[in-house]
N, C-alpha and C. Protein backbone atom coordinates (compact mmCIF):
# COMPACT_ATOMS: atom_id res chain seq x y z
N MET A 1 -8.78 -4.52 -13.23
CA MET A 1 -7.70 -4.66 -12.33
C MET A 1 -6.86 -3.35 -12.27
N VAL A 2 -5.61 -3.45 -11.89
CA VAL A 2 -4.78 -2.31 -11.67
C VAL A 2 -3.73 -2.11 -12.79
N GLN A 3 -3.61 -0.91 -13.23
CA GLN A 3 -2.54 -0.55 -14.13
C GLN A 3 -1.80 0.56 -13.34
N SER A 4 -0.49 0.50 -13.25
CA SER A 4 0.20 1.44 -12.46
C SER A 4 1.50 1.93 -13.13
N VAL A 5 1.90 3.12 -12.65
CA VAL A 5 3.22 3.66 -13.07
C VAL A 5 3.97 3.75 -11.81
N GLU A 6 5.20 3.15 -11.71
CA GLU A 6 5.94 2.96 -10.50
C GLU A 6 7.39 3.45 -10.63
N LEU A 7 7.85 4.20 -9.65
CA LEU A 7 9.24 4.69 -9.49
C LEU A 7 10.05 3.54 -8.85
N LEU A 8 11.09 3.09 -9.56
CA LEU A 8 11.95 2.02 -9.04
C LEU A 8 13.09 2.70 -8.22
N LEU A 9 13.64 1.80 -7.32
CA LEU A 9 14.58 2.23 -6.30
C LEU A 9 16.02 1.70 -6.67
N ASP A 10 17.01 2.41 -6.29
CA ASP A 10 18.36 2.01 -6.54
C ASP A 10 18.68 0.78 -5.69
N ARG A 11 19.75 0.14 -5.93
CA ARG A 11 20.11 -1.11 -5.31
C ARG A 11 20.22 -1.00 -3.77
N ASP A 12 20.68 0.04 -3.23
CA ASP A 12 20.84 0.19 -1.80
C ASP A 12 19.44 0.27 -1.06
N ILE A 13 18.59 1.14 -1.61
CA ILE A 13 17.25 1.34 -1.05
C ILE A 13 16.50 0.04 -1.23
N ASP A 14 16.60 -0.58 -2.44
CA ASP A 14 15.92 -1.90 -2.68
C ASP A 14 16.29 -2.88 -1.69
N ALA A 15 17.61 -3.03 -1.47
CA ALA A 15 18.13 -4.00 -0.53
C ALA A 15 17.66 -3.78 0.87
N THR A 16 17.61 -2.55 1.32
CA THR A 16 17.14 -2.13 2.62
C THR A 16 15.69 -2.57 2.82
N VAL A 17 14.84 -2.31 1.86
CA VAL A 17 13.37 -2.63 1.89
C VAL A 17 13.23 -4.11 1.92
N ARG A 18 13.94 -4.84 1.10
CA ARG A 18 13.87 -6.28 1.01
C ARG A 18 14.22 -6.91 2.33
N ALA A 19 15.24 -6.37 2.98
CA ALA A 19 15.64 -6.85 4.29
C ALA A 19 14.51 -6.65 5.35
N GLU A 20 13.80 -5.50 5.20
CA GLU A 20 12.68 -5.30 6.08
C GLU A 20 11.55 -6.30 5.83
N TRP A 21 11.29 -6.54 4.51
CA TRP A 21 10.32 -7.56 4.16
C TRP A 21 10.71 -8.86 4.79
N ARG A 22 11.98 -9.31 4.65
CA ARG A 22 12.38 -10.68 5.16
C ARG A 22 12.23 -10.68 6.69
N ARG A 23 12.52 -9.62 7.39
CA ARG A 23 12.35 -9.62 8.88
C ARG A 23 10.87 -9.81 9.19
N LEU A 24 9.96 -9.19 8.41
CA LEU A 24 8.55 -9.43 8.72
C LEU A 24 8.22 -10.94 8.52
N SER A 25 8.63 -11.43 7.35
CA SER A 25 8.35 -12.88 7.10
C SER A 25 8.92 -13.80 8.12
N SER A 26 10.17 -13.51 8.57
CA SER A 26 10.72 -14.36 9.62
C SER A 26 9.93 -14.33 10.91
N ALA A 27 9.25 -13.20 11.18
CA ALA A 27 8.45 -13.11 12.36
C ALA A 27 7.02 -13.61 12.16
N ARG A 28 6.83 -14.16 11.00
CA ARG A 28 5.53 -14.74 10.61
C ARG A 28 4.40 -13.70 10.52
N LEU A 29 4.80 -12.54 10.05
CA LEU A 29 3.87 -11.36 9.85
C LEU A 29 3.66 -11.19 8.36
N PRO A 30 2.53 -10.65 7.99
CA PRO A 30 2.40 -10.37 6.50
C PRO A 30 3.50 -9.51 6.00
N SER A 31 3.92 -9.85 4.81
CA SER A 31 5.07 -9.13 4.17
C SER A 31 4.98 -9.18 2.70
N GLN A 32 5.45 -8.18 2.04
CA GLN A 32 5.54 -8.16 0.61
C GLN A 32 6.53 -9.17 0.08
N ASP A 33 7.32 -9.67 0.97
CA ASP A 33 8.34 -10.73 0.66
C ASP A 33 7.61 -12.09 0.29
N ARG A 34 6.35 -12.18 0.70
CA ARG A 34 5.61 -13.46 0.42
C ARG A 34 5.22 -13.48 -0.99
N ILE A 35 5.24 -12.37 -1.74
CA ILE A 35 4.83 -12.36 -3.17
C ILE A 35 6.05 -12.78 -3.93
N THR A 36 5.96 -13.95 -4.56
CA THR A 36 7.21 -14.49 -5.14
C THR A 36 7.37 -14.23 -6.66
N ALA A 37 6.49 -13.45 -7.23
CA ALA A 37 6.61 -13.14 -8.63
C ALA A 37 7.92 -12.35 -8.86
N GLU A 38 8.51 -12.63 -9.98
CA GLU A 38 9.80 -11.92 -10.34
C GLU A 38 9.59 -10.44 -10.43
N SER A 39 8.42 -9.98 -10.78
CA SER A 39 8.08 -8.59 -10.92
C SER A 39 7.89 -7.85 -9.58
N ASN A 40 7.80 -8.62 -8.45
CA ASN A 40 7.62 -8.03 -7.15
C ASN A 40 8.92 -7.30 -6.70
N ARG A 41 8.87 -5.98 -6.56
CA ARG A 41 10.01 -5.28 -6.10
C ARG A 41 9.57 -4.04 -5.39
N PRO A 42 10.39 -3.52 -4.48
CA PRO A 42 10.04 -2.29 -3.83
C PRO A 42 9.93 -1.13 -4.88
N HIS A 43 8.93 -0.30 -4.63
CA HIS A 43 8.67 0.79 -5.60
C HIS A 43 7.80 1.89 -4.90
N VAL A 44 7.67 2.99 -5.58
CA VAL A 44 6.80 4.06 -5.16
C VAL A 44 5.78 4.19 -6.30
N THR A 45 4.47 3.93 -6.03
CA THR A 45 3.52 4.11 -7.01
C THR A 45 3.24 5.56 -7.28
N LEU A 46 3.32 5.95 -8.55
CA LEU A 46 3.12 7.33 -8.99
C LEU A 46 1.75 7.54 -9.55
N GLY A 47 1.17 6.54 -10.16
CA GLY A 47 -0.15 6.68 -10.82
C GLY A 47 -0.80 5.35 -10.86
N VAL A 48 -2.16 5.33 -10.87
CA VAL A 48 -2.90 4.10 -10.89
C VAL A 48 -4.22 4.36 -11.66
N ALA A 49 -4.63 3.34 -12.52
CA ALA A 49 -5.91 3.45 -13.20
C ALA A 49 -6.37 2.01 -13.47
N HIS A 50 -7.65 1.87 -13.91
CA HIS A 50 -8.04 0.54 -14.26
C HIS A 50 -7.68 0.24 -15.72
N HIS A 51 -7.45 1.20 -16.50
CA HIS A 51 -7.15 1.03 -17.94
C HIS A 51 -6.32 2.19 -18.36
N VAL A 52 -5.21 1.93 -19.09
CA VAL A 52 -4.28 3.01 -19.64
C VAL A 52 -4.44 2.85 -21.22
N PRO A 53 -5.06 3.84 -21.88
CA PRO A 53 -5.14 3.67 -23.29
C PRO A 53 -3.80 3.94 -24.02
N PRO A 54 -3.61 3.42 -25.32
CA PRO A 54 -2.46 3.58 -26.00
C PRO A 54 -1.86 5.01 -26.04
N ASP A 55 -2.74 6.03 -26.28
CA ASP A 55 -2.20 7.34 -26.37
C ASP A 55 -1.55 7.82 -25.10
N VAL A 56 -2.09 7.32 -23.92
CA VAL A 56 -1.51 7.75 -22.68
C VAL A 56 -0.14 6.99 -22.45
N GLU A 57 -0.10 5.74 -22.90
CA GLU A 57 1.15 4.95 -22.91
C GLU A 57 2.25 5.72 -23.65
N VAL A 58 1.94 6.25 -24.77
CA VAL A 58 2.88 6.93 -25.68
C VAL A 58 3.34 8.25 -24.89
N ALA A 59 2.30 8.96 -24.33
CA ALA A 59 2.62 10.22 -23.63
C ALA A 59 3.50 9.92 -22.42
N LEU A 60 3.30 8.85 -21.64
CA LEU A 60 4.15 8.50 -20.52
C LEU A 60 5.54 8.38 -20.94
N VAL A 61 5.83 7.59 -22.03
CA VAL A 61 7.19 7.39 -22.50
C VAL A 61 7.79 8.72 -22.95
N ARG A 62 7.05 9.54 -23.61
CA ARG A 62 7.53 10.83 -24.15
C ARG A 62 7.79 11.82 -23.06
N GLU A 63 7.00 11.93 -22.05
CA GLU A 63 6.94 13.01 -21.14
C GLU A 63 7.75 12.76 -19.87
N LEU A 64 7.95 11.54 -19.42
CA LEU A 64 8.59 11.26 -18.12
C LEU A 64 10.11 11.37 -18.24
N PRO A 65 10.75 12.03 -17.24
CA PRO A 65 12.14 12.14 -17.37
C PRO A 65 12.89 10.94 -16.97
N SER A 66 14.06 10.76 -17.50
CA SER A 66 14.90 9.51 -17.20
C SER A 66 15.96 9.82 -16.17
N ALA A 67 16.12 11.08 -15.80
CA ALA A 67 17.11 11.46 -14.79
C ALA A 67 16.67 10.95 -13.46
N PRO A 68 17.56 10.35 -12.65
CA PRO A 68 17.23 9.81 -11.38
C PRO A 68 16.89 10.96 -10.40
N LEU A 69 15.96 10.62 -9.41
CA LEU A 69 15.62 11.55 -8.38
C LEU A 69 16.32 11.14 -7.09
N SER A 70 16.67 12.10 -6.28
CA SER A 70 17.18 11.76 -4.90
C SER A 70 16.01 11.33 -4.07
N LEU A 71 16.16 10.22 -3.36
CA LEU A 71 15.10 9.72 -2.47
C LEU A 71 15.57 9.48 -1.09
N ARG A 72 14.69 9.72 -0.14
CA ARG A 72 14.99 9.42 1.24
C ARG A 72 13.79 8.69 1.84
N LEU A 73 14.03 7.53 2.33
CA LEU A 73 12.96 6.77 3.08
C LEU A 73 13.07 7.25 4.47
N GLY A 74 11.93 7.70 5.04
CA GLY A 74 11.87 8.15 6.40
C GLY A 74 11.20 7.10 7.28
N GLY A 75 10.32 7.62 8.19
CA GLY A 75 9.71 6.76 9.17
C GLY A 75 8.68 5.86 8.57
N VAL A 76 7.90 5.21 9.45
CA VAL A 76 6.77 4.36 8.96
C VAL A 76 5.44 5.13 8.97
N VAL A 77 4.61 4.64 8.16
CA VAL A 77 3.23 5.18 8.02
C VAL A 77 2.31 3.98 7.92
N VAL A 78 1.15 4.19 8.50
CA VAL A 78 0.09 3.09 8.48
C VAL A 78 -1.14 3.64 7.77
N PHE A 79 -1.56 2.92 6.72
CA PHE A 79 -2.82 3.31 6.03
C PHE A 79 -3.90 2.44 6.59
N GLY A 80 -5.07 3.02 6.82
CA GLY A 80 -6.19 2.32 7.37
C GLY A 80 -7.06 1.78 6.26
N GLY A 81 -8.30 1.55 6.69
CA GLY A 81 -9.28 0.99 5.78
C GLY A 81 -9.69 -0.41 6.28
N ARG A 82 -10.24 -1.23 5.42
CA ARG A 82 -10.56 -2.57 5.88
C ARG A 82 -9.36 -3.34 6.34
N ARG A 83 -8.27 -3.11 5.62
CA ARG A 83 -7.05 -3.79 5.93
C ARG A 83 -6.00 -2.74 6.20
N LEU A 84 -5.06 -2.95 7.11
CA LEU A 84 -4.01 -2.02 7.34
C LEU A 84 -2.83 -2.36 6.49
N THR A 85 -2.12 -1.30 6.07
CA THR A 85 -0.86 -1.40 5.38
C THR A 85 0.21 -0.63 6.02
N LEU A 86 1.38 -1.34 6.24
CA LEU A 86 2.54 -0.76 6.88
C LEU A 86 3.52 -0.36 5.75
N ALA A 87 4.05 0.89 5.82
CA ALA A 87 4.94 1.31 4.74
C ALA A 87 6.03 2.21 5.25
N ARG A 88 7.06 2.39 4.45
CA ARG A 88 8.08 3.41 4.71
C ARG A 88 7.66 4.61 4.00
N LEU A 89 7.62 5.73 4.62
CA LEU A 89 7.33 7.07 4.00
C LEU A 89 8.43 7.48 3.10
N VAL A 90 8.24 8.00 2.01
CA VAL A 90 9.19 8.57 1.12
C VAL A 90 9.14 10.10 1.36
N VAL A 91 10.21 10.69 1.86
CA VAL A 91 10.21 12.13 2.17
C VAL A 91 9.98 12.87 0.89
N PRO A 92 8.82 13.67 0.82
CA PRO A 92 8.51 14.36 -0.45
C PRO A 92 9.52 15.48 -0.75
N THR A 93 9.92 15.55 -1.93
CA THR A 93 10.73 16.63 -2.47
C THR A 93 9.99 17.29 -3.59
N THR A 94 10.39 18.50 -3.96
CA THR A 94 9.80 19.21 -5.05
C THR A 94 9.83 18.35 -6.32
N GLU A 95 10.98 17.75 -6.61
CA GLU A 95 11.19 16.94 -7.81
C GLU A 95 10.19 15.67 -7.81
N LEU A 96 10.07 15.05 -6.63
CA LEU A 96 9.19 13.91 -6.60
C LEU A 96 7.68 14.32 -6.71
N LEU A 97 7.36 15.31 -6.10
CA LEU A 97 5.96 15.82 -6.23
C LEU A 97 5.65 16.28 -7.70
N THR A 98 6.62 16.89 -8.30
CA THR A 98 6.47 17.38 -9.69
C THR A 98 6.28 16.10 -10.63
N LEU A 99 7.13 15.15 -10.43
CA LEU A 99 6.99 13.86 -11.25
C LEU A 99 5.61 13.27 -11.07
N GLN A 100 5.21 13.14 -9.84
CA GLN A 100 3.90 12.52 -9.53
C GLN A 100 2.73 13.32 -10.23
N ARG A 101 2.87 14.65 -10.16
CA ARG A 101 1.91 15.52 -10.74
C ARG A 101 1.87 15.31 -12.31
N ILE A 102 3.04 15.18 -12.92
CA ILE A 102 3.05 14.89 -14.33
C ILE A 102 2.41 13.60 -14.70
N VAL A 103 2.70 12.51 -13.89
CA VAL A 103 2.01 11.17 -14.12
C VAL A 103 0.54 11.33 -13.90
N TYR A 104 0.03 12.04 -12.89
CA TYR A 104 -1.39 12.23 -12.68
C TYR A 104 -2.05 12.99 -13.89
N GLU A 105 -1.40 13.96 -14.31
CA GLU A 105 -1.98 14.83 -15.34
C GLU A 105 -2.06 13.98 -16.71
N LEU A 106 -1.10 13.14 -16.96
CA LEU A 106 -1.19 12.27 -18.12
C LEU A 106 -2.22 11.17 -17.94
N MET A 107 -2.52 10.81 -16.74
CA MET A 107 -3.45 9.59 -16.55
C MET A 107 -4.84 10.10 -16.01
N VAL A 108 -5.00 11.39 -15.81
CA VAL A 108 -6.27 11.84 -15.19
C VAL A 108 -7.57 11.40 -15.87
N ASP A 109 -7.54 11.23 -17.24
CA ASP A 109 -8.72 10.85 -17.90
C ASP A 109 -8.89 9.40 -18.10
N CYS A 110 -7.91 8.63 -17.56
CA CYS A 110 -7.94 7.15 -17.59
C CYS A 110 -9.13 6.69 -16.70
N GLU A 111 -9.70 5.57 -17.07
CA GLU A 111 -10.76 4.90 -16.25
C GLU A 111 -10.23 4.47 -14.89
N GLY A 112 -10.88 4.79 -13.82
CA GLY A 112 -10.55 4.28 -12.51
C GLY A 112 -9.38 4.83 -11.77
N VAL A 113 -9.06 6.12 -11.93
CA VAL A 113 -8.04 6.76 -11.17
C VAL A 113 -8.58 7.01 -9.73
N PRO A 114 -7.94 6.47 -8.72
CA PRO A 114 -8.42 6.62 -7.32
C PRO A 114 -8.13 8.05 -6.80
N SER A 115 -8.94 8.48 -5.84
CA SER A 115 -8.77 9.84 -5.28
C SER A 115 -7.47 10.01 -4.50
N HIS A 116 -6.91 8.86 -3.99
CA HIS A 116 -5.67 9.04 -3.25
C HIS A 116 -4.45 9.29 -4.09
N ILE A 117 -4.57 9.28 -5.36
CA ILE A 117 -3.49 9.49 -6.28
C ILE A 117 -3.48 10.95 -6.75
N VAL A 118 -4.49 11.74 -6.45
CA VAL A 118 -4.60 13.17 -6.87
C VAL A 118 -3.48 13.93 -6.13
N PRO A 119 -2.74 14.79 -6.85
CA PRO A 119 -1.71 15.59 -6.21
C PRO A 119 -2.29 16.33 -5.02
N GLY A 120 -1.61 16.33 -3.91
CA GLY A 120 -2.14 16.93 -2.64
C GLY A 120 -2.80 15.93 -1.74
N GLU A 121 -3.24 14.83 -2.30
CA GLU A 121 -3.84 13.67 -1.56
C GLU A 121 -2.83 12.49 -1.53
N TRP A 122 -1.91 12.42 -2.45
CA TRP A 122 -0.99 11.32 -2.63
C TRP A 122 0.07 11.29 -1.52
N THR A 123 0.33 10.17 -0.96
CA THR A 123 1.39 9.99 0.06
C THR A 123 2.43 9.05 -0.52
N PRO A 124 3.60 9.63 -0.83
CA PRO A 124 4.70 8.75 -1.32
C PRO A 124 5.19 7.71 -0.30
N HIS A 125 5.25 6.51 -0.67
CA HIS A 125 5.59 5.42 0.25
C HIS A 125 6.05 4.22 -0.42
N VAL A 126 6.69 3.29 0.32
CA VAL A 126 7.15 1.97 -0.19
C VAL A 126 6.49 0.98 0.75
N THR A 127 5.66 0.13 0.30
CA THR A 127 4.85 -0.80 1.08
C THR A 127 5.80 -1.90 1.70
N LEU A 128 5.59 -2.15 2.96
CA LEU A 128 6.23 -3.25 3.62
C LEU A 128 5.37 -4.48 3.84
N SER A 129 4.09 -4.20 4.26
CA SER A 129 3.15 -5.21 4.63
C SER A 129 1.73 -4.72 4.36
N ARG A 130 0.92 -5.60 3.79
CA ARG A 130 -0.51 -5.35 3.56
C ARG A 130 -1.23 -6.40 4.38
N ARG A 131 -2.47 -6.01 4.78
CA ARG A 131 -3.36 -6.85 5.53
C ARG A 131 -2.80 -7.22 6.89
N ILE A 132 -2.13 -6.32 7.49
CA ILE A 132 -1.58 -6.54 8.82
C ILE A 132 -2.69 -6.21 9.88
N GLN A 133 -2.70 -7.00 10.91
CA GLN A 133 -3.65 -6.76 12.00
C GLN A 133 -3.16 -5.71 12.89
N ALA A 134 -4.11 -4.84 13.37
CA ALA A 134 -3.73 -3.77 14.34
C ALA A 134 -2.95 -4.23 15.47
N THR A 135 -3.26 -5.41 16.01
CA THR A 135 -2.57 -5.92 17.14
C THR A 135 -1.10 -6.43 16.84
N ASP A 136 -0.77 -6.47 15.58
CA ASP A 136 0.56 -6.79 15.16
C ASP A 136 1.48 -5.67 14.72
N LEU A 137 0.90 -4.45 14.66
CA LEU A 137 1.65 -3.28 14.18
C LEU A 137 2.85 -3.03 15.02
N GLY A 138 2.81 -2.91 16.27
CA GLY A 138 3.91 -2.63 17.13
C GLY A 138 5.04 -3.56 16.91
N THR A 139 4.74 -4.88 16.86
CA THR A 139 5.71 -5.95 16.63
C THR A 139 6.33 -5.72 15.26
N ALA A 140 5.56 -5.48 14.29
CA ALA A 140 5.98 -5.30 12.89
C ALA A 140 7.01 -4.13 12.84
N ILE A 141 6.68 -3.07 13.47
CA ILE A 141 7.59 -1.85 13.43
C ILE A 141 8.93 -2.23 14.20
N VAL A 142 8.84 -2.93 15.27
CA VAL A 142 10.05 -3.29 16.04
C VAL A 142 10.84 -4.29 15.17
N VAL A 143 10.20 -5.27 14.62
CA VAL A 143 10.87 -6.34 13.85
C VAL A 143 11.59 -5.81 12.60
N THR A 144 10.99 -4.94 11.91
CA THR A 144 11.58 -4.36 10.68
C THR A 144 12.66 -3.43 10.98
N ARG A 145 12.58 -2.71 12.08
CA ARG A 145 13.49 -1.63 12.49
C ARG A 145 13.38 -0.54 11.45
N ALA A 146 12.17 -0.56 10.72
CA ALA A 146 11.90 0.53 9.73
C ALA A 146 11.74 1.83 10.46
N GLY A 147 12.34 2.86 9.91
CA GLY A 147 12.32 4.15 10.48
C GLY A 147 13.37 4.39 11.48
N ALA A 148 14.17 3.37 11.84
CA ALA A 148 15.28 3.51 12.82
C ALA A 148 16.29 4.49 12.25
N ARG A 149 16.41 4.51 10.93
CA ARG A 149 17.30 5.46 10.28
C ARG A 149 16.76 5.77 8.98
N ASP A 150 16.95 6.92 8.48
CA ASP A 150 16.61 7.28 7.09
C ASP A 150 17.50 6.58 6.14
N VAL A 151 17.00 6.19 5.00
CA VAL A 151 17.74 5.52 3.95
C VAL A 151 17.78 6.51 2.75
N VAL A 152 18.96 6.81 2.28
CA VAL A 152 19.16 7.81 1.22
C VAL A 152 19.64 7.17 -0.01
N GLY A 153 19.07 7.48 -1.21
CA GLY A 153 19.48 6.95 -2.44
C GLY A 153 18.88 7.66 -3.58
N ARG A 154 18.66 6.91 -4.71
CA ARG A 154 18.15 7.57 -5.88
C ARG A 154 17.11 6.60 -6.53
N SER A 155 16.36 7.19 -7.41
CA SER A 155 15.47 6.30 -8.24
C SER A 155 16.29 5.69 -9.29
N ASP A 156 15.72 4.51 -9.84
CA ASP A 156 16.50 3.79 -10.75
C ASP A 156 15.75 3.58 -12.07
N GLY A 157 14.63 4.30 -12.22
CA GLY A 157 13.84 4.20 -13.44
C GLY A 157 12.34 4.22 -13.11
N ILE A 158 11.58 4.21 -14.16
CA ILE A 158 10.04 4.21 -13.98
C ILE A 158 9.52 3.07 -14.83
N ARG A 159 8.64 2.23 -14.20
CA ARG A 159 8.10 1.03 -14.92
C ARG A 159 6.57 1.19 -15.00
N ARG A 160 6.03 0.54 -15.91
CA ARG A 160 4.58 0.27 -15.99
C ARG A 160 4.28 -1.11 -15.50
N TRP A 161 3.24 -1.28 -14.76
CA TRP A 161 2.84 -2.64 -14.30
C TRP A 161 1.42 -2.82 -14.77
N ASP A 162 1.12 -3.96 -15.38
CA ASP A 162 -0.18 -4.32 -15.80
C ASP A 162 -0.56 -5.59 -15.09
N SER A 163 -1.43 -5.45 -14.07
CA SER A 163 -1.80 -6.57 -13.23
C SER A 163 -2.63 -7.61 -13.94
N ASP A 164 -3.37 -7.16 -14.95
CA ASP A 164 -4.16 -8.08 -15.80
C ASP A 164 -3.31 -9.14 -16.48
N ALA A 165 -2.30 -8.60 -17.14
CA ALA A 165 -1.41 -9.51 -17.92
C ALA A 165 -0.20 -10.02 -17.06
N LYS A 166 -0.12 -9.49 -15.84
CA LYS A 166 1.05 -9.81 -14.95
C LYS A 166 2.34 -9.53 -15.74
N ARG A 167 2.41 -8.27 -16.22
CA ARG A 167 3.53 -7.88 -17.08
C ARG A 167 4.09 -6.54 -16.69
N GLU A 168 5.37 -6.35 -16.67
CA GLU A 168 6.00 -5.09 -16.41
C GLU A 168 6.87 -4.72 -17.52
N TRP A 169 7.08 -3.40 -17.72
CA TRP A 169 8.06 -2.91 -18.72
C TRP A 169 8.54 -1.53 -18.23
N LEU A 170 9.76 -1.21 -18.73
CA LEU A 170 10.38 0.10 -18.35
C LEU A 170 9.86 1.14 -19.27
N ILE A 171 9.52 2.34 -18.58
CA ILE A 171 9.23 3.52 -19.37
C ILE A 171 10.52 4.32 -19.47
N THR A 172 11.25 4.43 -18.36
CA THR A 172 12.51 5.12 -18.36
C THR A 172 13.47 4.31 -17.56
N ARG A 173 14.75 4.50 -17.81
CA ARG A 173 15.78 3.79 -17.05
C ARG A 173 16.89 4.85 -16.71
N ARG A 174 17.46 4.73 -15.49
CA ARG A 174 18.50 5.64 -15.05
C ARG A 174 19.64 5.54 -16.05
N PRO A 175 20.09 6.75 -16.50
CA PRO A 175 21.23 6.68 -17.43
C PRO A 175 22.53 6.27 -16.84
């Protein structure tokens, strides 16, 4: 399954994204809001693997900074494939790209690191909807009002998510 390292968002950005999720649900469109697990929260995925060995877990805690990053949610982006994903783009900054590179370098030898997480291939984003139909994209963008304005805030920590155990834990927390 999936093991991930995720950048958490401050209250204001989190609330904005959750409001966009609710608007999608209210319009009967696929939404991250439909995932009811307590661990479901808006985030930016920094790294992914099938397995993270204990030495990498230790390195993540030791190497990742706890200082918050400035974040700006910009317009919408659509990822293709068998299923479409609608997301808010996170405007890349030097600090964000550096953090993601550190995570990648720590996880590069883990089993199952996908190519889209390689620095230079990674697109920072916050997911709004998965498995959306192409015919519903226009409606989804209008309904969420995503991208109507940039949302500015900060990160609020970094967590690890273990989808096998359905467990999350903080690696760093904003001071």
